[in-house]
Amino acid sequence: MNLNDLTEKHFQTNENRQKAIFSTIFIAGNKLQTLFDNHIPQVSLKQFMLLSIVKNSSEPLTFTQLGNLLGCSRQNIKKLADVLMKKGFITIRQSPLDPRAMCICPTEKVNDYFQKEFLQYQQELNYLFDVYTEEEIRTLFTLLTKLYEGIENLERKTSREVSEYE
């Protein structure tokens, strides 16, 4: 069975299409992580995503804030940050707003990395999206933004259910 066979099998009902979409997102995420982990120099895809957010933030972000942005736990951010700190990409400091929280700050090595090594990542992204028209990219962006709304809806439902059992 290949991916097309699997897709055809699940195209018959809305419930099956929902299952197929969910599976596709999961599989696509795994494939992208594997591809980019093998092609991004010096860092994993997760480390790269953390560096991108840290680099583009106008203020230092805490582990908790970064976890919320990346959709993972504070502990996962700490593990990623420890590796990136050892590689010289970031420093970890006490938050200026909350003395109990720690923040991640980029070093000059991050700027150098994005100016020099980022080019390879950008080329990989171009290949990924070469199969889309400009209109399809706009539509996909809109639909993925809508997917976040669905995720937030599921998170609210899950939170309510947990609260009811406590």
N, C-alpha and C. Protein backbone atom coordinates (compact mmCIF):
# COMPACT_ATOMS: atom_id res chain seq x y z
N MET A 1 0.85 -1.18 0.00
CA MET A 1 0.00 0.00 0.00
C MET A 1 0.90 1.24 0.00
N ASN A 2 0.60 2.17 -0.87
CA ASN A 2 1.34 3.43 -0.88
C ASN A 2 0.44 4.56 -0.37
N LEU A 3 0.99 5.76 -0.30
CA LEU A 3 0.26 6.89 0.26
C LEU A 3 -0.98 7.23 -0.56
N ASN A 4 -0.90 7.12 -1.88
CA ASN A 4 -2.07 7.40 -2.72
C ASN A 4 -3.20 6.40 -2.47
N ASP A 5 -2.86 5.11 -2.31
CA ASP A 5 -3.87 4.10 -1.99
C ASP A 5 -4.54 4.42 -0.66
N LEU A 6 -3.74 4.78 0.30
CA LEU A 6 -4.27 5.11 1.61
C LEU A 6 -5.19 6.33 1.54
N THR A 7 -4.78 7.33 0.78
CA THR A 7 -5.58 8.54 0.62
C THR A 7 -6.92 8.22 -0.05
N GLU A 8 -6.89 7.46 -1.12
CA GLU A 8 -8.12 7.08 -1.82
C GLU A 8 -9.08 6.32 -0.91
N LYS A 9 -8.55 5.44 -0.13
CA LYS A 9 -9.36 4.64 0.79
C LYS A 9 -10.11 5.52 1.78
N HIS A 10 -9.49 6.62 2.19
CA HIS A 10 -10.08 7.48 3.21
C HIS A 10 -10.82 8.69 2.64
N PHE A 11 -11.04 8.72 1.35
CA PHE A 11 -11.66 9.90 0.74
C PHE A 11 -13.18 9.81 0.68
N GLN A 12 -13.76 8.71 1.11
CA GLN A 12 -15.18 8.46 0.89
C GLN A 12 -16.12 9.23 1.82
N THR A 13 -15.78 9.40 3.09
CA THR A 13 -16.66 10.10 4.03
C THR A 13 -15.90 11.23 4.71
N ASN A 14 -16.65 12.18 5.26
CA ASN A 14 -16.02 13.30 5.96
C ASN A 14 -15.22 12.82 7.17
N GLU A 15 -15.75 11.84 7.90
CA GLU A 15 -15.03 11.30 9.05
C GLU A 15 -13.71 10.66 8.62
N ASN A 16 -13.73 9.92 7.52
CA ASN A 16 -12.50 9.32 7.01
C ASN A 16 -11.53 10.38 6.51
N ARG A 17 -12.06 11.44 5.89
CA ARG A 17 -11.18 12.53 5.43
C ARG A 17 -10.51 13.21 6.62
N GLN A 18 -11.26 13.40 7.72
CA GLN A 18 -10.67 14.01 8.92
C GLN A 18 -9.53 13.14 9.45
N LYS A 19 -9.76 11.83 9.49
CA LYS A 19 -8.71 10.92 9.94
C LYS A 19 -7.50 10.98 9.02
N ALA A 20 -7.76 11.05 7.72
CA ALA A 20 -6.67 11.11 6.74
C ALA A 20 -5.89 12.42 6.87
N ILE A 21 -6.58 13.53 7.10
CA ILE A 21 -5.91 14.82 7.29
C ILE A 21 -5.02 14.76 8.51
N PHE A 22 -5.56 14.25 9.62
CA PHE A 22 -4.78 14.14 10.86
C PHE A 22 -3.54 13.28 10.63
N SER A 23 -3.73 12.14 9.99
CA SER A 23 -2.59 11.24 9.71
C SER A 23 -1.57 11.91 8.81
N THR A 24 -2.05 12.62 7.80
CA THR A 24 -1.17 13.29 6.86
C THR A 24 -0.32 14.35 7.55
N ILE A 25 -0.93 15.11 8.46
CA ILE A 25 -0.18 16.13 9.19
C ILE A 25 0.90 15.48 10.03
N PHE A 26 0.56 14.39 10.70
CA PHE A 26 1.52 13.68 11.54
C PHE A 26 2.67 13.13 10.69
N ILE A 27 2.34 12.46 9.60
CA ILE A 27 3.36 11.85 8.73
C ILE A 27 4.22 12.94 8.08
N ALA A 28 3.58 14.01 7.60
CA ALA A 28 4.32 15.10 6.97
C ALA A 28 5.30 15.72 7.96
N GLY A 29 4.87 15.91 9.20
CA GLY A 29 5.76 16.46 10.23
C GLY A 29 6.97 15.58 10.46
N ASN A 30 6.74 14.28 10.53
CA ASN A 30 7.86 13.35 10.71
C ASN A 30 8.82 13.38 9.53
N LYS A 31 8.25 13.36 8.31
CA LYS A 31 9.10 13.37 7.11
C LYS A 31 9.91 14.67 7.02
N LEU A 32 9.26 15.80 7.31
CA LEU A 32 9.98 17.07 7.26
C LEU A 32 11.09 17.12 8.30
N GLN A 33 10.80 16.63 9.50
CA GLN A 33 11.83 16.63 10.54
C GLN A 33 13.02 15.78 10.11
N THR A 34 12.77 14.62 9.57
CA THR A 34 13.85 13.74 9.11
C THR A 34 14.65 14.39 7.99
N LEU A 35 13.96 14.94 7.01
CA LEU A 35 14.65 15.60 5.89
C LEU A 35 15.52 16.76 6.35
N PHE A 36 14.94 17.63 7.16
CA PHE A 36 15.68 18.82 7.57
C PHE A 36 16.76 18.50 8.59
N ASP A 37 16.53 17.51 9.45
CA ASP A 37 17.59 17.12 10.39
C ASP A 37 18.82 16.64 9.64
N ASN A 38 18.61 16.04 8.47
CA ASN A 38 19.73 15.55 7.67
C ASN A 38 20.36 16.62 6.78
N HIS A 39 19.70 17.78 6.64
CA HIS A 39 20.20 18.78 5.70
C HIS A 39 20.53 20.14 6.31
N ILE A 40 20.05 20.44 7.49
CA ILE A 40 20.37 21.73 8.10
C ILE A 40 21.71 21.56 8.82
N PRO A 41 22.69 22.37 8.47
CA PRO A 41 24.00 22.23 9.12
C PRO A 41 23.98 22.68 10.58
N GLN A 42 24.67 21.94 11.42
CA GLN A 42 24.97 22.25 12.82
C GLN A 42 23.82 22.06 13.81
N VAL A 43 22.57 22.12 13.39
CA VAL A 43 21.45 22.04 14.34
C VAL A 43 20.34 21.15 13.80
N SER A 44 19.53 20.63 14.72
CA SER A 44 18.35 19.86 14.30
C SER A 44 17.24 20.84 13.91
N LEU A 45 16.19 20.32 13.30
CA LEU A 45 15.06 21.18 12.91
C LEU A 45 14.44 21.84 14.14
N LYS A 46 14.28 21.10 15.22
CA LYS A 46 13.69 21.68 16.43
C LYS A 46 14.59 22.77 17.00
N GLN A 47 15.90 22.54 16.99
CA GLN A 47 16.83 23.57 17.45
C GLN A 47 16.75 24.79 16.54
N PHE A 48 16.65 24.54 15.23
CA PHE A 48 16.56 25.63 14.26
C PHE A 48 15.30 26.47 14.51
N MET A 49 14.17 25.80 14.76
CA MET A 49 12.93 26.53 14.99
C MET A 49 13.04 27.38 16.26
N LEU A 50 13.66 26.84 17.29
CA LEU A 50 13.86 27.61 18.52
C LEU A 50 14.75 28.82 18.24
N LEU A 51 15.84 28.60 17.52
CA LEU A 51 16.73 29.72 17.18
C LEU A 51 16.01 30.79 16.36
N SER A 52 15.17 30.37 15.44
CA SER A 52 14.43 31.32 14.61
C SER A 52 13.54 32.22 15.45
N ILE A 53 12.84 31.61 16.40
CA ILE A 53 11.95 32.40 17.26
C ILE A 53 12.76 33.33 18.16
N VAL A 54 13.82 32.81 18.76
CA VAL A 54 14.66 33.62 19.65
C VAL A 54 15.27 34.78 18.87
N LYS A 55 15.76 34.51 17.68
CA LYS A 55 16.41 35.55 16.86
C LYS A 55 15.43 36.65 16.47
N ASN A 56 14.20 36.26 16.16
CA ASN A 56 13.22 37.22 15.65
C ASN A 56 12.37 37.88 16.72
N SER A 57 12.56 37.49 17.98
CA SER A 57 11.78 38.08 19.06
C SER A 57 12.36 39.44 19.43
N SER A 58 11.47 40.38 19.72
CA SER A 58 11.93 41.72 20.10
C SER A 58 12.34 41.80 21.57
N GLU A 59 12.03 40.75 22.33
CA GLU A 59 12.40 40.71 23.74
C GLU A 59 12.78 39.29 24.12
N PRO A 60 13.56 39.11 25.18
CA PRO A 60 13.90 37.75 25.62
C PRO A 60 12.64 36.99 26.04
N LEU A 61 12.54 35.74 25.61
CA LEU A 61 11.38 34.91 25.94
C LEU A 61 11.78 33.83 26.94
N THR A 62 10.85 33.52 27.83
CA THR A 62 11.10 32.48 28.83
C THR A 62 10.93 31.10 28.20
N PHE A 63 11.41 30.08 28.91
CA PHE A 63 11.24 28.70 28.45
C PHE A 63 9.76 28.39 28.25
N THR A 64 8.92 28.84 29.18
CA THR A 64 7.48 28.58 29.09
C THR A 64 6.89 29.26 27.85
N GLN A 65 7.23 30.53 27.61
CA GLN A 65 6.72 31.23 26.43
C GLN A 65 7.16 30.54 25.14
N LEU A 66 8.41 30.13 25.10
CA LEU A 66 8.92 29.45 23.90
C LEU A 66 8.24 28.10 23.72
N GLY A 67 7.99 27.39 24.81
CA GLY A 67 7.27 26.12 24.73
C GLY A 67 5.88 26.31 24.16
N ASN A 68 5.19 27.36 24.60
CA ASN A 68 3.86 27.65 24.07
C ASN A 68 3.91 27.96 22.57
N LEU A 69 4.90 28.71 22.16
CA LEU A 69 5.03 29.06 20.74
C LEU A 69 5.36 27.85 19.87
N LEU A 70 6.22 26.97 20.39
CA LEU A 70 6.64 25.80 19.62
C LEU A 70 5.74 24.58 19.84
N GLY A 71 4.80 24.69 20.76
CA GLY A 71 3.88 23.58 20.99
C GLY A 71 4.52 22.42 21.73
N CYS A 72 5.44 22.73 22.65
CA CYS A 72 6.07 21.67 23.44
C CYS A 72 6.23 22.14 24.88
N SER A 73 6.73 21.28 25.72
CA SER A 73 6.85 21.60 27.14
C SER A 73 8.06 22.51 27.42
N ARG A 74 8.00 23.13 28.57
CA ARG A 74 9.11 23.94 29.06
C ARG A 74 10.37 23.07 29.18
N GLN A 75 10.19 21.82 29.61
CA GLN A 75 11.32 20.90 29.77
C GLN A 75 11.98 20.60 28.42
N ASN A 76 11.17 20.45 27.37
CA ASN A 76 11.74 20.23 26.03
C ASN A 76 12.55 21.44 25.57
N ILE A 77 12.04 22.63 25.85
CA ILE A 77 12.77 23.85 25.50
C ILE A 77 14.10 23.89 26.26
N LYS A 78 14.07 23.51 27.53
CA LYS A 78 15.30 23.50 28.34
C LYS A 78 16.34 22.56 27.72
N LYS A 79 15.91 21.38 27.27
CA LYS A 79 16.83 20.43 26.65
C LYS A 79 17.42 21.00 25.36
N LEU A 80 16.57 21.59 24.52
CA LEU A 80 17.04 22.20 23.28
C LEU A 80 18.01 23.35 23.60
N ALA A 81 17.66 24.16 24.59
CA ALA A 81 18.48 25.32 24.95
C ALA A 81 19.84 24.88 25.48
N ASP A 82 19.88 23.83 26.27
CA ASP A 82 21.16 23.34 26.79
C ASP A 82 22.12 22.98 25.66
N VAL A 83 21.61 22.30 24.64
CA VAL A 83 22.44 21.90 23.49
C VAL A 83 22.90 23.15 22.73
N LEU A 84 21.96 24.08 22.50
CA LEU A 84 22.31 25.29 21.75
C LEU A 84 23.29 26.17 22.51
N MET A 85 23.20 26.17 23.83
CA MET A 85 24.15 26.94 24.63
C MET A 85 25.55 26.33 24.53
N LYS A 86 25.62 25.01 24.57
CA LYS A 86 26.93 24.33 24.43
C LYS A 86 27.55 24.60 23.06
N LYS A 87 26.70 24.78 22.05
CA LYS A 87 27.20 25.08 20.70
C LYS A 87 27.50 26.56 20.52
N GLY A 88 27.17 27.39 21.52
CA GLY A 88 27.49 28.82 21.46
C GLY A 88 26.46 29.69 20.78
N PHE A 89 25.26 29.16 20.51
CA PHE A 89 24.24 29.93 19.81
C PHE A 89 23.43 30.85 20.73
N ILE A 90 23.31 30.49 22.00
CA ILE A 90 22.46 31.25 22.92
C ILE A 90 23.12 31.35 24.28
N THR A 91 22.59 32.27 25.08
CA THR A 91 22.88 32.31 26.50
C THR A 91 21.55 32.18 27.24
N ILE A 92 21.62 31.71 28.46
CA ILE A 92 20.42 31.58 29.29
C ILE A 92 20.60 32.53 30.46
N ARG A 93 19.61 33.41 30.64
CA ARG A 93 19.69 34.43 31.70
C ARG A 93 18.38 34.49 32.48
N GLN A 94 18.46 35.13 33.61
CA GLN A 94 17.27 35.37 34.41
C GLN A 94 16.39 36.40 33.69
N SER A 95 15.09 36.19 33.70
CA SER A 95 14.16 37.10 33.05
C SER A 95 14.16 38.46 33.74
N PRO A 96 14.20 39.55 32.96
CA PRO A 96 14.14 40.88 33.57
C PRO A 96 12.75 41.17 34.17
N LEU A 97 11.74 40.43 33.72
CA LEU A 97 10.37 40.66 34.19
C LEU A 97 9.96 39.75 35.34
N ASP A 98 10.59 38.56 35.43
CA ASP A 98 10.23 37.59 36.45
C ASP A 98 11.50 36.89 36.94
N PRO A 99 11.97 37.22 38.14
CA PRO A 99 13.23 36.65 38.62
C PRO A 99 13.20 35.13 38.77
N ARG A 100 12.01 34.52 38.76
CA ARG A 100 11.93 33.06 38.88
C ARG A 100 12.09 32.37 37.52
N ALA A 101 11.94 33.13 36.45
CA ALA A 101 11.97 32.56 35.09
C ALA A 101 13.31 32.80 34.41
N MET A 102 13.65 31.88 33.50
CA MET A 102 14.87 32.00 32.73
C MET A 102 14.52 32.33 31.27
N CYS A 103 15.36 33.14 30.65
CA CYS A 103 15.16 33.54 29.26
C CYS A 103 16.29 33.05 28.38
N ILE A 104 15.99 32.93 27.11
CA ILE A 104 17.00 32.55 26.13
C ILE A 104 17.32 33.77 25.28
N CYS A 105 18.60 34.07 25.18
CA CYS A 105 19.06 35.22 24.39
C CYS A 105 20.03 34.74 23.31
N PRO A 106 19.90 35.26 22.10
CA PRO A 106 20.81 34.84 21.02
C PRO A 106 22.19 35.46 21.20
N THR A 107 23.20 34.73 20.73
CA THR A 107 24.56 35.28 20.70
C THR A 107 24.84 35.76 19.28
N GLU A 108 25.98 36.33 19.08
CA GLU A 108 26.37 36.79 17.74
C GLU A 108 26.46 35.62 16.77
N LYS A 109 26.75 34.43 17.28
CA LYS A 109 26.86 33.24 16.44
C LYS A 109 25.53 32.96 15.71
N VAL A 110 24.40 33.31 16.33
CA VAL A 110 23.09 33.12 15.69
C VAL A 110 23.00 33.99 14.44
N ASN A 111 23.40 35.26 14.56
CA ASN A 111 23.35 36.15 13.40
C ASN A 111 24.25 35.64 12.28
N ASP A 112 25.46 35.21 12.64
CA ASP A 112 26.38 34.66 11.65
C ASP A 112 25.77 33.43 10.98
N TYR A 113 25.18 32.56 11.80
CA TYR A 113 24.59 31.33 11.29
C TYR A 113 23.49 31.64 10.27
N PHE A 114 22.61 32.57 10.61
CA PHE A 114 21.50 32.88 9.71
C PHE A 114 21.96 33.61 8.45
N GLN A 115 23.04 34.36 8.54
CA GLN A 115 23.56 35.04 7.36
C GLN A 115 24.30 34.09 6.43
N LYS A 116 24.96 33.06 6.98
CA LYS A 116 25.78 32.17 6.16
C LYS A 116 25.11 30.82 5.90
N GLU A 117 24.78 30.10 6.96
CA GLU A 117 24.27 28.73 6.83
C GLU A 117 22.79 28.66 6.47
N PHE A 118 22.04 29.70 6.79
CA PHE A 118 20.60 29.70 6.54
C PHE A 118 20.28 29.54 5.07
N LEU A 119 21.19 29.93 4.21
CA LEU A 119 20.97 29.84 2.77
C LEU A 119 20.58 28.42 2.35
N GLN A 120 21.24 27.42 2.90
CA GLN A 120 20.91 26.03 2.56
C GLN A 120 19.49 25.69 2.99
N TYR A 121 19.08 26.13 4.18
CA TYR A 121 17.72 25.88 4.67
C TYR A 121 16.71 26.56 3.75
N GLN A 122 17.00 27.79 3.34
CA GLN A 122 16.08 28.52 2.45
C GLN A 122 15.93 27.80 1.12
N GLN A 123 17.01 27.24 0.60
CA GLN A 123 16.92 26.48 -0.65
C GLN A 123 16.05 25.25 -0.48
N GLU A 124 16.16 24.56 0.67
CA GLU A 124 15.31 23.40 0.95
C GLU A 124 13.84 23.82 0.98
N LEU A 125 13.55 24.95 1.62
CA LEU A 125 12.17 25.44 1.66
C LEU A 125 11.65 25.72 0.26
N ASN A 126 12.50 26.30 -0.57
CA ASN A 126 12.07 26.60 -1.95
C ASN A 126 11.68 25.32 -2.68
N TYR A 127 12.46 24.25 -2.51
CA TYR A 127 12.11 22.96 -3.14
C TYR A 127 10.79 22.43 -2.60
N LEU A 128 10.59 22.57 -1.30
CA LEU A 128 9.36 22.08 -0.68
C LEU A 128 8.13 22.75 -1.29
N PHE A 129 8.22 24.04 -1.56
CA PHE A 129 7.05 24.79 -2.03
C PHE A 129 7.03 25.01 -3.55
N ASP A 130 8.00 24.46 -4.27
CA ASP A 130 8.01 24.59 -5.74
C ASP A 130 6.77 24.00 -6.40
N VAL A 131 6.13 23.06 -5.76
CA VAL A 131 4.98 22.37 -6.36
C VAL A 131 3.68 23.17 -6.22
N TYR A 132 3.73 24.31 -5.52
CA TYR A 132 2.53 25.12 -5.28
C TYR A 132 2.54 26.39 -6.13
N THR A 133 1.34 26.81 -6.51
CA THR A 133 1.20 28.14 -7.10
C THR A 133 1.15 29.15 -5.97
N GLU A 134 1.27 30.41 -6.30
CA GLU A 134 1.21 31.46 -5.29
C GLU A 134 -0.16 31.43 -4.59
N GLU A 135 -1.21 31.22 -5.36
CA GLU A 135 -2.56 31.15 -4.78
C GLU A 135 -2.71 29.94 -3.85
N GLU A 136 -2.14 28.81 -4.23
CA GLU A 136 -2.20 27.62 -3.37
C GLU A 136 -1.46 27.85 -2.05
N ILE A 137 -0.35 28.57 -2.11
CA ILE A 137 0.40 28.88 -0.89
C ILE A 137 -0.45 29.77 0.02
N ARG A 138 -1.12 30.78 -0.55
CA ARG A 138 -2.01 31.63 0.25
C ARG A 138 -3.12 30.80 0.89
N THR A 139 -3.71 29.90 0.11
CA THR A 139 -4.80 29.06 0.62
C THR A 139 -4.30 28.13 1.71
N LEU A 140 -3.15 27.50 1.49
CA LEU A 140 -2.59 26.60 2.49
C LEU A 140 -2.29 27.36 3.78
N PHE A 141 -1.74 28.56 3.66
CA PHE A 141 -1.45 29.38 4.83
C PHE A 141 -2.73 29.69 5.60
N THR A 142 -3.79 30.04 4.89
CA THR A 142 -5.08 30.32 5.52
C THR A 142 -5.61 29.08 6.23
N LEU A 143 -5.54 27.94 5.58
CA LEU A 143 -6.06 26.71 6.17
C LEU A 143 -5.22 26.26 7.38
N LEU A 144 -3.93 26.42 7.31
CA LEU A 144 -3.09 26.05 8.46
C LEU A 144 -3.35 26.99 9.64
N THR A 145 -3.62 28.25 9.37
CA THR A 145 -4.00 29.19 10.42
C THR A 145 -5.31 28.74 11.06
N LYS A 146 -6.22 28.29 10.24
CA LYS A 146 -7.50 27.76 10.73
C LYS A 146 -7.27 26.49 11.56
N LEU A 147 -6.29 25.68 11.17
CA LEU A 147 -5.96 24.47 11.92
C LEU A 147 -5.55 24.84 13.35
N TYR A 148 -4.81 25.94 13.52
CA TYR A 148 -4.46 26.38 14.87
C TYR A 148 -5.70 26.66 15.70
N GLU A 149 -6.73 27.24 15.08
CA GLU A 149 -7.99 27.47 15.79
C GLU A 149 -8.59 26.15 16.25
N GLY A 150 -8.53 25.13 15.40
CA GLY A 150 -9.03 23.81 15.77
C GLY A 150 -8.23 23.21 16.91
N ILE A 151 -6.92 23.39 16.88
CA ILE A 151 -6.07 22.88 17.96
C ILE A 151 -6.42 23.58 19.27
N GLU A 152 -6.59 24.89 19.22
CA GLU A 152 -6.97 25.63 20.43
C GLU A 152 -8.34 25.16 20.94
N ASN A 153 -9.26 24.88 20.05
CA ASN A 153 -10.57 24.37 20.42
C ASN A 153 -10.42 23.02 21.13
N LEU A 154 -9.58 22.14 20.61
CA LEU A 154 -9.33 20.83 21.22
C LEU A 154 -8.65 21.00 22.59
N GLU A 155 -7.71 21.94 22.68
CA GLU A 155 -7.04 22.20 23.97
C GLU A 155 -8.04 22.66 25.03
N ARG A 156 -8.97 23.56 24.64
CA ARG A 156 -9.98 24.03 25.59
C ARG A 156 -10.86 22.87 26.06
N LYS A 157 -11.27 22.01 25.13
CA LYS A 157 -12.10 20.87 25.47
C LYS A 157 -11.35 19.95 26.43
N THR A 158 -10.10 19.67 26.12
CA THR A 158 -9.28 18.79 26.96
C THR A 158 -9.10 19.40 28.35
N SER A 159 -8.87 20.70 28.43
CA SER A 159 -8.70 21.39 29.72
C SER A 159 -9.96 21.29 30.56
N ARG A 160 -11.12 21.47 29.92
CA ARG A 160 -12.40 21.36 30.65
C ARG A 160 -12.58 19.95 31.20
N GLU A 161 -12.25 18.94 30.38
CA GLU A 161 -12.42 17.56 30.83
C GLU A 161 -11.49 17.25 32.00
N VAL A 162 -10.28 17.74 31.97
CA VAL A 162 -9.33 17.52 33.06
C VAL A 162 -9.86 18.21 34.32
N SER A 163 -10.39 19.43 34.17
CA SER A 163 -10.92 20.18 35.33
C SER A 163 -12.09 19.45 35.97
N GLU A 164 -12.93 18.82 35.16
CA GLU A 164 -14.09 18.12 35.68
C GLU A 164 -13.70 16.91 36.53
N TYR A 165 -12.55 16.29 36.23
CA TYR A 165 -12.12 15.12 36.96
C TYR A 165 -11.32 15.45 38.22
N GLU A 166 -10.91 16.70 38.36
CA GLU A 166 -10.09 17.08 39.52
C GLU A 166 -10.96 17.42 40.71
